[in-house]
Amino acid sequence: MAQVYYDLSFGSRSNESYYACKWLMLNLTVMFMNTPKRRPDNSHLPLVRTEHLRVSFGRQLVLSDIQLEVPRGQTVAIIGESGSGKTVLLKTLIRLVRPTKGIVYFDGKDMAKMSEQELTTQRVRVGFVFQGAALFDSMTIGQNVAFPLRQHTGLSNDEIEALILQRLAEVGLPESVVRKKPAELSGGMRKRVGLARALTLNPELLLYDEPTTGLDPIMSDVINELILRTRKRYPVTSIVVTHDMHTARKVADRVIMVFPLSRLKEDEPQVIFDGTPKEIEESSDRRVVQFVRGEAGERLTEMRENSFVV
């Protein structure tokens, strides 16, 4: 049990750091549980499904009546403006955020009805690539990537070291980074380490939160290529939250656009588009068109009317 007591410190106490630490700590308890029973064959069901999902924080309603199905093997991009609830939706799918109402199904099971043991076991089947990579500053890169392996497997040190190098190589990082600290790496390299760590347990579902934010165009495309290669290399289902249309076009089989509730009329659905990357280019919905083209449209007028400085 001594190996659980790592120094789980982050460079900044951001909201992302809180959720990243919560995610990893929730998963630690798996190592103390009995081996789960063989899972039923639910391959005919979508891996992820929501029914009438609603999330609010106090009086602030963020998500309303979200109906979503993600078939196995599909890569879905969730796009939308800042404040539209994209990241909240991503975290709700794995109960890092608990829905106010509605149901989230994972592999055919209602997550709210799972025991703590079952819920924790299911989370091991999911890899999460956080927006800022959320690496532990006090650990080396090798220790960061090894973290899930040491907690969830009985592999020897030699086997773990071999897997670390394999995962780092898969994301284009040399062996020389193993003993470095996160602060010694560029933003793009840290994002790749985050992906390597998420892949260590061969997840069935990969969640990416804004994987290209803060990167230059070249490094952004490197990340896009890694997402594509990961899908080809492993039988994984992926959900990518992004505001980057280049990423959505390149990596996704399907694009879903959510819209801020504050700008919707009563009873308007929050999901305003659900289709292929080709179909979104042909959409006639002005809200979709403006986002895809990166045009302000009437947003400047709305901001003036709401007394924002522009």
C-alpha atoms as a PDB file:
ATOM      1  CA  MET A   1       0.000   0.000   0.000  1.00  0.00           C
ATOM      2  CA  ALA A   2       2.976   2.315   0.436  1.00  0.00           C
ATOM      3  CA  GLN A   3       3.135   2.997  -3.279  1.00  0.00           C
ATOM      4  CA  VAL A   4      -0.166   4.892  -3.113  1.00  0.00           C
ATOM      5  CA  TYR A   5       1.297   7.768  -1.133  1.00  0.00           C
ATOM      6  CA  TYR A   6       2.833   9.760  -3.941  1.00  0.00           C
ATOM      7  CA  ASP A   7       3.280  13.505  -3.698  1.00  0.00           C
ATOM      8  CA  LEU A   8       0.333  14.441  -5.880  1.00  0.00           C
ATOM      9  CA  SER A   9       1.314  18.074  -6.359  1.00  0.00           C
ATOM     10  CA  PHE A  10       0.601  20.283  -9.323  1.00  0.00           C
ATOM     11  CA  GLY A  11       2.292  23.479 -10.342  1.00  0.00           C
ATOM     12  CA  SER A  12      -0.979  25.435 -10.144  1.00  0.00           C
ATOM     13  CA  ARG A  13      -4.190  24.862  -8.207  1.00  0.00           C
ATOM     14  CA  SER A  14      -6.391  25.218 -11.253  1.00  0.00           C
ATOM     15  CA  ASN A  15      -9.823  23.689 -11.697  1.00  0.00           C
ATOM     16  CA  GLU A  16      -8.269  21.243 -14.165  1.00  0.00           C
ATOM     17  CA  SER A  17      -5.703  20.159 -11.586  1.00  0.00           C
ATOM     18  CA  TYR A  18      -8.486  19.422  -9.123  1.00  0.00           C
ATOM     19  CA  TYR A  19     -10.336  17.193 -11.579  1.00  0.00           C
ATOM     20  CA  ALA A  20      -7.152  15.493 -12.781  1.00  0.00           C
ATOM     21  CA  CYS A  21      -6.119  14.662  -9.217  1.00  0.00           C
ATOM     22  CA  LYS A  22      -9.663  13.531  -8.411  1.00  0.00           C
ATOM     23  CA  TRP A  23      -9.668  11.303 -11.502  1.00  0.00           C
ATOM     24  CA  LEU A  24      -6.403   9.598 -10.620  1.00  0.00           C
ATOM     25  CA  MET A  25      -7.248   9.233  -6.933  1.00  0.00           C
ATOM     26  CA  LEU A  26     -10.653   7.724  -7.718  1.00  0.00           C
ATOM     27  CA  ASN A  27      -8.897   5.120  -9.812  1.00  0.00           C
ATOM     28  CA  LEU A  28      -6.349   4.202  -7.147  1.00  0.00           C
ATOM     29  CA  THR A  29      -8.843   2.139  -5.167  1.00  0.00           C
ATOM     30  CA  VAL A  30      -9.024  -0.473  -7.914  1.00  0.00           C
ATOM     31  CA  MET A  31      -5.795  -2.059  -6.734  1.00  0.00           C
ATOM     32  CA  PHE A  32      -7.431  -3.040  -3.424  1.00  0.00           C
ATOM     33  CA  MET A  33     -10.531  -4.639  -4.954  1.00  0.00           C
ATOM     34  CA  ASN A  34     -11.279  -8.134  -6.084  1.00  0.00           C
ATOM     35  CA  THR A  35     -10.956  -8.983  -9.749  1.00  0.00           C
ATOM     36  CA  PRO A  36     -14.280  -8.055 -11.417  1.00  0.00           C
ATOM     37  CA  LYS A  37     -16.506 -10.707 -12.877  1.00  0.00           C
ATOM     38  CA  ARG A  38     -16.443 -11.264 -16.616  1.00  0.00           C
ATOM     39  CA  ARG A  39     -18.403  -8.523 -18.329  1.00  0.00           C
ATOM     40  CA  PRO A  40     -21.490  -9.349 -20.398  1.00  0.00           C
ATOM     41  CA  ASP A  41     -21.217  -8.937 -24.160  1.00  0.00           C
ATOM     42  CA  ASN A  42     -22.696  -5.497 -24.790  1.00  0.00           C
ATOM     43  CA  SER A  43     -20.880  -4.956 -28.090  1.00  0.00           C
ATOM     44  CA  HIS A  44     -24.197  -4.284 -29.832  1.00  0.00           C
ATOM     45  CA  LEU A  45     -24.811  -1.279 -27.556  1.00  0.00           C
ATOM     46  CA  PRO A  46     -23.215   2.171 -27.826  1.00  0.00           C
ATOM     47  CA  LEU A  47     -20.269   2.518 -25.471  1.00  0.00           C
ATOM     48  CA  VAL A  48     -21.590   5.842 -24.148  1.00  0.00           C
ATOM     49  CA  ARG A  49     -25.176   7.049 -24.030  1.00  0.00           C
ATOM     50  CA  THR A  50     -27.020   9.811 -22.209  1.00  0.00           C
ATOM     51  CA  GLU A  51     -30.723  10.371 -21.663  1.00  0.00           C
ATOM     52  CA  HIS A  52     -32.143  13.824 -20.866  1.00  0.00           C
ATOM     53  CA  LEU A  53     -28.877  14.890 -19.248  1.00  0.00           C
ATOM     54  CA  ARG A  54     -29.049  18.040 -17.171  1.00  0.00           C
ATOM     55  CA  VAL A  55     -26.257  19.674 -15.173  1.00  0.00           C
ATOM     56  CA  SER A  56     -26.473  22.776 -13.040  1.00  0.00           C
ATOM     57  CA  PHE A  57     -24.186  24.420 -10.495  1.00  0.00           C
ATOM     58  CA  GLY A  58     -26.430  26.147  -8.008  1.00  0.00           C
ATOM     59  CA  ARG A  59     -28.784  28.280 -10.073  1.00  0.00           C
ATOM     60  CA  GLN A  60     -26.573  28.185 -13.144  1.00  0.00           C
ATOM     61  CA  LEU A  61     -27.844  25.681 -15.686  1.00  0.00           C
ATOM     62  CA  VAL A  62     -25.026  24.466 -17.940  1.00  0.00           C
ATOM     63  CA  LEU A  63     -26.436  21.453 -19.785  1.00  0.00           C
ATOM     64  CA  SER A  64     -30.076  20.744 -20.554  1.00  0.00           C
ATOM     65  CA  ASP A  65     -31.729  17.654 -22.024  1.00  0.00           C
ATOM     66  CA  ILE A  66     -28.602  16.287 -23.726  1.00  0.00           C
ATOM     67  CA  GLN A  67     -29.310  13.119 -25.703  1.00  0.00           C
ATOM     68  CA  LEU A  68     -26.116  11.481 -26.923  1.00  0.00           C
ATOM     69  CA  GLU A  69     -25.013   8.114 -28.274  1.00  0.00           C
ATOM     70  CA  VAL A  70     -21.423   7.223 -29.122  1.00  0.00           C
ATOM     71  CA  PRO A  71     -21.005   3.879 -30.932  1.00  0.00           C
ATOM     72  CA  ARG A  72     -17.907   1.796 -30.282  1.00  0.00           C
ATOM     73  CA  GLY A  73     -14.940   2.708 -32.439  1.00  0.00           C
ATOM     74  CA  GLN A  74     -16.266   6.136 -33.377  1.00  0.00           C
ATOM     75  CA  THR A  75     -14.368   9.403 -32.905  1.00  0.00           C
ATOM     76  CA  VAL A  76     -16.720  12.230 -31.954  1.00  0.00           C
ATOM     77  CA  ALA A  77     -15.728  15.886 -31.806  1.00  0.00           C
ATOM     78  CA  ILE A  78     -17.798  18.082 -29.488  1.00  0.00           C
ATOM     79  CA  ILE A  79     -17.482  21.707 -30.538  1.00  0.00           C
ATOM     80  CA  GLY A  80     -18.974  24.972 -29.381  1.00  0.00           C
ATOM     81  CA  GLU A  81     -18.217  28.407 -28.025  1.00  0.00           C
ATOM     82  CA  SER A  82     -16.563  28.984 -24.672  1.00  0.00           C
ATOM     83  CA  GLY A  83     -19.178  28.570 -21.967  1.00  0.00           C
ATOM     84  CA  SER A  84     -21.338  26.158 -23.946  1.00  0.00           C
ATOM     85  CA  GLY A  85     -20.720  23.261 -21.538  1.00  0.00           C
ATOM     86  CA  LYS A  86     -18.404  21.086 -23.637  1.00  0.00           C
ATOM     87  CA  THR A  87     -15.934  20.197 -20.890  1.00  0.00           C
ATOM     88  CA  VAL A  88     -18.684  19.798 -18.294  1.00  0.00           C
ATOM     89  CA  LEU A  89     -20.327  17.283 -20.624  1.00  0.00           C
ATOM     90  CA  LEU A  90     -17.063  15.377 -21.001  1.00  0.00           C
ATOM     91  CA  LYS A  91     -16.563  15.149 -17.233  1.00  0.00           C
ATOM     92  CA  THR A  92     -20.190  14.185 -16.653  1.00  0.00           C
ATOM     93  CA  LEU A  93     -19.796  11.174 -18.944  1.00  0.00           C
ATOM     94  CA  ILE A  94     -17.421   9.619 -16.388  1.00  0.00           C
ATOM     95  CA  ARG A  95     -19.061  11.130 -13.276  1.00  0.00           C
ATOM     96  CA  LEU A  96     -16.247  13.497 -12.443  1.00  0.00           C
ATOM     97  CA  VAL A  97     -19.249  15.827 -12.478  1.00  0.00           C
ATOM     98  CA  ARG A  98     -22.532  14.274 -11.374  1.00  0.00           C
ATOM     99  CA  PRO A  99     -25.622  15.135 -13.418  1.00  0.00           C
ATOM    100  CA  THR A 100     -28.439  17.056 -11.775  1.00  0.00           C
ATOM    101  CA  LYS A 101     -30.926  14.970 -13.726  1.00  0.00           C
ATOM    102  CA  GLY A 102     -30.820  12.355 -16.469  1.00  0.00           C
ATOM    103  CA  ILE A 103     -28.893   9.154 -17.019  1.00  0.00           C
ATOM    104  CA  VAL A 104     -25.386   8.354 -18.250  1.00  0.00           C
ATOM    105  CA  TYR A 105     -24.872   4.824 -19.553  1.00  0.00           C
ATOM    106  CA  PHE A 106     -21.411   3.323 -19.965  1.00  0.00           C
ATOM    107  CA  ASP A 107     -21.275  -0.015 -21.769  1.00  0.00           C
ATOM    108  CA  GLY A 108     -25.023  -0.397 -21.322  1.00  0.00           C
ATOM    109  CA  LYS A 109     -25.075   0.269 -17.563  1.00  0.00           C
ATOM    110  CA  ASP A 110     -26.516   3.232 -15.688  1.00  0.00           C
ATOM    111  CA  MET A 111     -23.490   4.744 -13.933  1.00  0.00           C
ATOM    112  CA  ALA A 112     -25.638   6.138 -11.119  1.00  0.00           C
ATOM    113  CA  LYS A 113     -26.649   2.584 -10.165  1.00  0.00           C
ATOM    114  CA  MET A 114     -23.092   1.249 -10.034  1.00  0.00           C
ATOM    115  CA  SER A 115     -21.503   0.476  -6.698  1.00  0.00           C
ATOM    116  CA  GLU A 116     -18.338   2.387  -5.843  1.00  0.00           C
ATOM    117  CA  GLN A 117     -16.328  -0.726  -6.653  1.00  0.00           C
ATOM    118  CA  GLU A 118     -17.968  -1.169 -10.042  1.00  0.00           C
ATOM    119  CA  LEU A 119     -17.755   2.539 -10.862  1.00  0.00           C
ATOM    120  CA  THR A 120     -14.050   2.610 -10.059  1.00  0.00           C
ATOM    121  CA  THR A 121     -13.446  -0.531 -12.103  1.00  0.00           C
ATOM    122  CA  GLN A 122     -15.239   1.004 -15.104  1.00  0.00           C
ATOM    123  CA  ARG A 123     -13.126   4.156 -14.907  1.00  0.00           C
ATOM    124  CA  VAL A 124      -9.981   2.123 -15.505  1.00  0.00           C
ATOM    125  CA  ARG A 125     -11.388   1.451 -18.975  1.00  0.00           C
ATOM    126  CA  VAL A 126     -11.213   5.189 -19.720  1.00  0.00           C
ATOM    127  CA  GLY A 127      -8.200   7.371 -20.554  1.00  0.00           C
ATOM    128  CA  PHE A 128      -8.462  11.132 -19.991  1.00  0.00           C
ATOM    129  CA  VAL A 129      -6.164  13.626 -21.718  1.00  0.00           C
ATOM    130  CA  PHE A 130      -6.565  16.875 -19.794  1.00  0.00           C
ATOM    131  CA  GLN A 131      -6.306  20.269 -21.457  1.00  0.00           C
ATOM    132  CA  GLY A 132      -3.061  21.230 -19.725  1.00  0.00           C
ATOM    133  CA  ALA A 133      -1.805  17.616 -19.540  1.00  0.00           C
ATOM    134  CA  ALA A 134      -2.167  17.795 -15.705  1.00  0.00           C
ATOM    135  CA  LEU A 135       1.172  16.145 -15.001  1.00  0.00           C
ATOM    136  CA  PHE A 136       2.504  15.837 -11.473  1.00  0.00           C
ATOM    137  CA  ASP A 137       5.236  18.484 -11.212  1.00  0.00           C
ATOM    138  CA  SER A 138       7.082  16.624  -8.458  1.00  0.00           C
ATOM    139  CA  MET A 139       7.454  13.482 -10.569  1.00  0.00           C
ATOM    140  CA  THR A 140       9.680  12.793 -13.549  1.00  0.00           C
ATOM    141  CA  ILE A 141       8.108  12.095 -16.923  1.00  0.00           C
ATOM    142  CA  GLY A 142       8.794   8.402 -16.448  1.00  0.00           C
ATOM    143  CA  GLN A 143       7.051   8.415 -13.064  1.00  0.00           C
ATOM    144  CA  ASN A 144       4.072  10.279 -14.520  1.00  0.00           C
ATOM    145  CA  VAL A 145       3.575   7.747 -17.308  1.00  0.00           C
ATOM    146  CA  ALA A 146       4.190   4.833 -14.943  1.00  0.00           C
ATOM    147  CA  PHE A 147       1.663   6.071 -12.389  1.00  0.00           C
ATOM    148  CA  PRO A 148      -1.370   4.090 -13.668  1.00  0.00           C
ATOM    149  CA  LEU A 149       0.738   0.988 -14.261  1.00  0.00           C
ATOM    150  CA  ARG A 150       2.082   0.933 -10.713  1.00  0.00           C
ATOM    151  CA  GLN A 151      -1.383   1.362  -9.246  1.00  0.00           C
ATOM    152  CA  HIS A 152      -3.384  -1.019 -11.436  1.00  0.00           C
ATOM    153  CA  THR A 153      -1.016  -3.788 -12.506  1.00  0.00           C
ATOM    154  CA  GLY A 154       1.361  -6.296 -11.007  1.00  0.00           C
ATOM    155  CA  LEU A 155       4.029  -5.711 -13.621  1.00  0.00           C
ATOM    156  CA  SER A 156       7.695  -5.805 -12.663  1.00  0.00           C
ATOM    157  CA  ASN A 157       9.849  -2.690 -12.771  1.00  0.00           C
ATOM    158  CA  ASP A 158      11.503  -3.899 -15.978  1.00  0.00           C
ATOM    159  CA  GLU A 159       8.132  -4.482 -17.636  1.00  0.00           C
ATOM    160  CA  ILE A 160       6.886  -1.067 -16.556  1.00  0.00           C
ATOM    161  CA  GLU A 161      10.025   0.648 -17.832  1.00  0.00           C
ATOM    162  CA  ALA A 162       9.638  -1.082 -21.197  1.00  0.00           C
ATOM    163  CA  LEU A 163       6.004   0.049 -21.450  1.00  0.00           C
ATOM    164  CA  ILE A 164       6.954   3.612 -20.527  1.00  0.00           C
ATOM    165  CA  LEU A 165       9.440   3.772 -23.398  1.00  0.00           C
ATOM    166  CA  GLN A 166       6.932   2.172 -25.764  1.00  0.00           C
ATOM    167  CA  ARG A 167       4.174   4.652 -24.952  1.00  0.00           C
ATOM    168  CA  LEU A 168       6.547   7.620 -25.168  1.00  0.00           C
ATOM    169  CA  ALA A 169       7.829   6.391 -28.528  1.00  0.00           C
ATOM    170  CA  GLU A 170       4.244   6.084 -29.782  1.00  0.00           C
ATOM    171  CA  VAL A 171       3.717   9.799 -29.144  1.00  0.00           C
ATOM    172  CA  GLY A 172       7.054  10.747 -30.677  1.00  0.00           C
ATOM    173  CA  LEU A 173       9.106  11.389 -27.541  1.00  0.00           C
ATOM    174  CA  PRO A 174      12.691  10.135 -27.065  1.00  0.00           C
ATOM    175  CA  GLU A 175      13.993   8.088 -24.153  1.00  0.00           C
ATOM    176  CA  SER A 176      15.901  11.140 -22.942  1.00  0.00           C
ATOM    177  CA  VAL A 177      12.720  12.749 -21.551  1.00  0.00           C
ATOM    178  CA  VAL A 178      12.131   9.950 -19.015  1.00  0.00           C
ATOM    179  CA  ARG A 179      14.167  11.583 -16.228  1.00  0.00           C
ATOM    180  CA  LYS A 180      13.082  15.147 -16.938  1.00  0.00           C
ATOM    181  CA  LYS A 181      10.447  17.032 -14.943  1.00  0.00           C
ATOM    182  CA  PRO A 182       7.351  18.482 -16.665  1.00  0.00           C
ATOM    183  CA  ALA A 183       8.693  22.027 -16.255  1.00  0.00           C
ATOM    184  CA  GLU A 184      11.613  21.116 -18.513  1.00  0.00           C
ATOM    185  CA  LEU A 185       9.337  20.274 -21.457  1.00  0.00           C
ATOM    186  CA  SER A 186       7.471  22.461 -23.932  1.00  0.00           C
ATOM    187  CA  GLY A 187       3.680  22.654 -23.895  1.00  0.00           C
ATOM    188  CA  GLY A 188       3.414  20.327 -26.877  1.00  0.00           C
ATOM    189  CA  MET A 189       5.701  17.757 -25.284  1.00  0.00           C
ATOM    190  CA  ARG A 190       3.686  17.839 -22.052  1.00  0.00           C
ATOM    191  CA  LYS A 191       0.497  17.219 -24.031  1.00  0.00           C
ATOM    192  CA  ARG A 192       2.111  14.183 -25.623  1.00  0.00           C
ATOM    193  CA  VAL A 193       3.179  12.878 -22.216  1.00  0.00           C
ATOM    194  CA  GLY A 194      -0.440  13.272 -21.088  1.00  0.00           C
ATOM    195  CA  LEU A 195      -1.549  11.153 -24.036  1.00  0.00           C
ATOM    196  CA  ALA A 196       1.126   8.542 -23.304  1.00  0.00           C
ATOM    197  CA  ARG A 197      -0.087   8.281 -19.698  1.00  0.00           C
ATOM    198  CA  ALA A 198      -3.717   7.973 -20.825  1.00  0.00           C
ATOM    199  CA  LEU A 199      -2.761   5.065 -23.098  1.00  0.00           C
ATOM    200  CA  THR A 200      -0.872   2.997 -20.531  1.00  0.00           C
ATOM    201  CA  LEU A 201      -3.810   0.791 -19.526  1.00  0.00           C
ATOM    202  CA  ASN A 202      -5.100   0.295 -23.092  1.00  0.00           C
ATOM    203  CA  PRO A 203      -8.377   2.173 -22.525  1.00  0.00           C
ATOM    204  CA  GLU A 204     -11.536   1.440 -24.481  1.00  0.00           C
ATOM    205  CA  LEU A 205     -12.627   5.089 -24.281  1.00  0.00           C
ATOM    206  CA  LEU A 206     -10.305   8.077 -24.710  1.00  0.00           C
ATOM    207  CA  LEU A 207     -11.472  11.543 -23.688  1.00  0.00           C
ATOM    208  CA  TYR A 208      -9.567  14.575 -24.959  1.00  0.00           C
ATOM    209  CA  ASP A 209     -10.220  18.002 -23.454  1.00  0.00           C
ATOM    210  CA  GLU A 210      -9.061  20.739 -25.858  1.00  0.00           C
ATOM    211  CA  PRO A 211      -5.964  18.785 -26.990  1.00  0.00           C
ATOM    212  CA  THR A 212      -4.555  21.567 -29.195  1.00  0.00           C
ATOM    213  CA  THR A 213      -5.250  24.628 -27.039  1.00  0.00           C
ATOM    214  CA  GLY A 214      -2.203  26.852 -26.608  1.00  0.00           C
ATOM    215  CA  LEU A 215      -0.153  25.137 -29.312  1.00  0.00           C
ATOM    216  CA  ASP A 216       1.227  26.572 -32.551  1.00  0.00           C
ATOM    217  CA  PRO A 217      -0.309  25.332 -35.828  1.00  0.00           C
ATOM    218  CA  ILE A 218       2.460  22.788 -36.481  1.00  0.00           C
ATOM    219  CA  MET A 219       2.336  21.245 -33.014  1.00  0.00           C
ATOM    220  CA  SER A 220      -1.469  21.283 -33.131  1.00  0.00           C
ATOM    221  CA  ASP A 221      -1.332  19.154 -36.253  1.00  0.00           C
ATOM    222  CA  VAL A 222       1.169  16.816 -34.579  1.00  0.00           C
ATOM    223  CA  ILE A 223      -1.421  16.216 -31.844  1.00  0.00           C
ATOM    224  CA  ASN A 224      -4.112  15.666 -34.479  1.00  0.00           C
ATOM    225  CA  GLU A 225      -1.937  13.087 -36.212  1.00  0.00           C
ATOM    226  CA  LEU A 226      -1.319  11.318 -32.895  1.00  0.00           C
ATOM    227  CA  ILE A 227      -5.070  11.116 -32.275  1.00  0.00           C
ATOM    228  CA  LEU A 228      -5.504   9.542 -35.713  1.00  0.00           C
ATOM    229  CA  ARG A 229      -2.624   7.102 -35.211  1.00  0.00           C
ATOM    230  CA  THR A 230      -3.951   6.092 -31.800  1.00  0.00           C
ATOM    231  CA  ARG A 231      -7.307   5.224 -33.346  1.00  0.00           C
ATOM    232  CA  LYS A 232      -5.614   3.143 -36.040  1.00  0.00           C
ATOM    233  CA  ARG A 233      -3.291   1.401 -33.582  1.00  0.00           C
ATOM    234  CA  TYR A 234      -5.884   0.573 -30.901  1.00  0.00           C
ATOM    235  CA  PRO A 235      -9.604  -0.347 -30.986  1.00  0.00           C
ATOM    236  CA  VAL A 236     -10.567   2.791 -29.090  1.00  0.00           C
ATOM    237  CA  THR A 237     -13.642   5.022 -28.956  1.00  0.00           C
ATOM    238  CA  SER A 238     -12.744   8.709 -28.692  1.00  0.00           C
ATOM    239  CA  ILE A 239     -14.545  11.881 -27.657  1.00  0.00           C
ATOM    240  CA  VAL A 240     -12.660  15.100 -28.426  1.00  0.00           C
ATOM    241  CA  VAL A 241     -13.791  18.410 -26.948  1.00  0.00           C
ATOM    242  CA  THR A 242     -12.389  21.211 -29.071  1.00  0.00           C
ATOM    243  CA  HIS A 243     -13.021  24.688 -30.406  1.00  0.00           C
ATOM    244  CA  ASP A 244     -10.495  24.040 -33.203  1.00  0.00           C
ATOM    245  CA  MET A 245     -12.316  23.318 -36.455  1.00  0.00           C
ATOM    246  CA  HIS A 246      -9.130  21.993 -38.059  1.00  0.00           C
ATOM    247  CA  THR A 247      -8.989  19.322 -35.362  1.00  0.00           C
ATOM    248  CA  ALA A 248     -12.679  18.509 -35.741  1.00  0.00           C
ATOM    249  CA  ARG A 249     -12.385  18.152 -39.510  1.00  0.00           C
ATOM    250  CA  LYS A 250      -9.252  16.035 -39.361  1.00  0.00           C
ATOM    251  CA  VAL A 251      -9.862  13.549 -36.557  1.00  0.00           C
ATOM    252  CA  ALA A 252     -13.630  13.137 -36.249  1.00  0.00           C
ATOM    253  CA  ASP A 253     -16.083  10.747 -37.861  1.00  0.00           C
ATOM    254  CA  ARG A 254     -18.873  12.836 -36.377  1.00  0.00           C
ATOM    255  CA  VAL A 255     -19.230  16.385 -35.062  1.00  0.00           C
ATOM    256  CA  ILE A 256     -21.650  17.549 -32.373  1.00  0.00           C
ATOM    257  CA  MET A 257     -22.113  21.248 -31.669  1.00  0.00           C
ATOM    258  CA  VAL A 258     -23.520  22.497 -28.382  1.00  0.00           C
ATOM    259  CA  PHE A 259     -24.708  26.063 -27.845  1.00  0.00           C
ATOM    260  CA  PRO A 260     -24.706  28.213 -24.680  1.00  0.00           C
ATOM    261  CA  LEU A 261     -28.065  27.938 -22.945  1.00  0.00           C
ATOM    262  CA  SER A 262     -28.075  31.668 -22.209  1.00  0.00           C
ATOM    263  CA  ARG A 263     -28.349  32.365 -25.928  1.00  0.00           C
ATOM    264  CA  LEU A 264     -31.077  29.853 -26.723  1.00  0.00           C
ATOM    265  CA  LYS A 265     -34.778  30.506 -26.807  1.00  0.00           C
ATOM    266  CA  GLU A 266     -36.995  28.567 -24.448  1.00  0.00           C
ATOM    267  CA  ASP A 267     -37.399  24.919 -25.509  1.00  0.00           C
ATOM    268  CA  GLU A 268     -34.638  25.176 -28.148  1.00  0.00           C
ATOM    269  CA  PRO A 269     -32.339  22.114 -28.074  1.00  0.00           C
ATOM    270  CA  GLN A 270     -28.805  22.709 -26.827  1.00  0.00           C
ATOM    271  CA  VAL A 271     -27.318  20.379 -29.448  1.00  0.00           C
ATOM    272  CA  ILE A 272     -27.686  22.412 -32.633  1.00  0.00           C
ATOM    273  CA  PHE A 273     -25.750  20.111 -34.970  1.00  0.00           C
ATOM    274  CA  ASP A 274     -24.987  16.399 -35.119  1.00  0.00           C
ATOM    275  CA  GLY A 275     -23.470  15.027 -38.312  1.00  0.00           C
ATOM    276  CA  THR A 276     -20.312  14.361 -40.288  1.00  0.00           C
ATOM    277  CA  PRO A 277     -17.499  16.900 -40.855  1.00  0.00           C
ATOM    278  CA  LYS A 278     -18.665  17.209 -44.465  1.00  0.00           C
ATOM    279  CA  GLU A 279     -22.244  17.886 -43.418  1.00  0.00           C
ATOM    280  CA  ILE A 280     -21.286  20.634 -40.981  1.00  0.00           C
ATOM    281  CA  GLU A 281     -19.619  22.532 -43.826  1.00  0.00           C
ATOM    282  CA  GLU A 282     -22.964  22.456 -45.636  1.00  0.00           C
ATOM    283  CA  SER A 283     -25.108  23.495 -42.654  1.00  0.00           C
ATOM    284  CA  SER A 284     -27.534  26.375 -43.187  1.00  0.00           C
ATOM    285  CA  ASP A 285     -27.841  27.173 -39.461  1.00  0.00           C
ATOM    286  CA  ARG A 286     -26.241  30.625 -39.124  1.00  0.00           C
ATOM    287  CA  ARG A 287     -24.919  29.782 -35.642  1.00  0.00           C
ATOM    288  CA  VAL A 288     -23.097  26.759 -37.016  1.00  0.00           C
ATOM    289  CA  VAL A 289     -21.861  28.645 -40.069  1.00  0.00           C
ATOM    290  CA  GLN A 290     -20.436  31.482 -37.960  1.00  0.00           C
ATOM    291  CA  PHE A 291     -18.590  29.080 -35.673  1.00  0.00           C
ATOM    292  CA  VAL A 292     -17.188  26.984 -38.522  1.00  0.00           C
ATOM    293  CA  ARG A 293     -15.993  30.088 -40.362  1.00  0.00           C
ATOM    294  CA  GLY A 294     -14.806  31.891 -37.218  1.00  0.00           C
ATOM    295  CA  GLU A 295     -17.030  34.895 -37.856  1.00  0.00           C
ATOM    296  CA  ALA A 296     -18.265  37.186 -35.074  1.00  0.00           C
ATOM    297  CA  GLY A 297     -21.583  37.823 -36.806  1.00  0.00           C
ATOM    298  CA  GLU A 298     -24.090  39.430 -34.457  1.00  0.00           C
ATOM    299  CA  ARG A 299     -22.030  38.562 -31.376  1.00  0.00           C
ATOM    300  CA  LEU A 300     -20.501  42.065 -31.300  1.00  0.00           C
ATOM    301  CA  THR A 301     -24.001  43.562 -31.210  1.00  0.00           C
ATOM    302  CA  GLU A 302     -25.031  41.163 -28.442  1.00  0.00           C
ATOM    303  CA  MET A 303     -21.950  42.070 -26.435  1.00  0.00           C
ATOM    304  CA  ARG A 304     -22.686  45.786 -26.750  1.00  0.00           C
ATOM    305  CA  GLU A 305     -26.283  45.245 -25.705  1.00  0.00           C
ATOM    306  CA  ASN A 306     -25.046  43.397 -22.631  1.00  0.00           C
ATOM    307  CA  SER A 307     -22.647  46.271 -21.792  1.00  0.00           C
ATOM    308  CA  PHE A 308     -19.440  44.349 -22.497  1.00  0.00           C
ATOM    309  CA  VAL A 309     -16.376  46.285 -23.575  1.00  0.00           C
ATOM    310  CA  VAL A 310     -15.220  45.268 -27.087  1.00  0.00           C
END
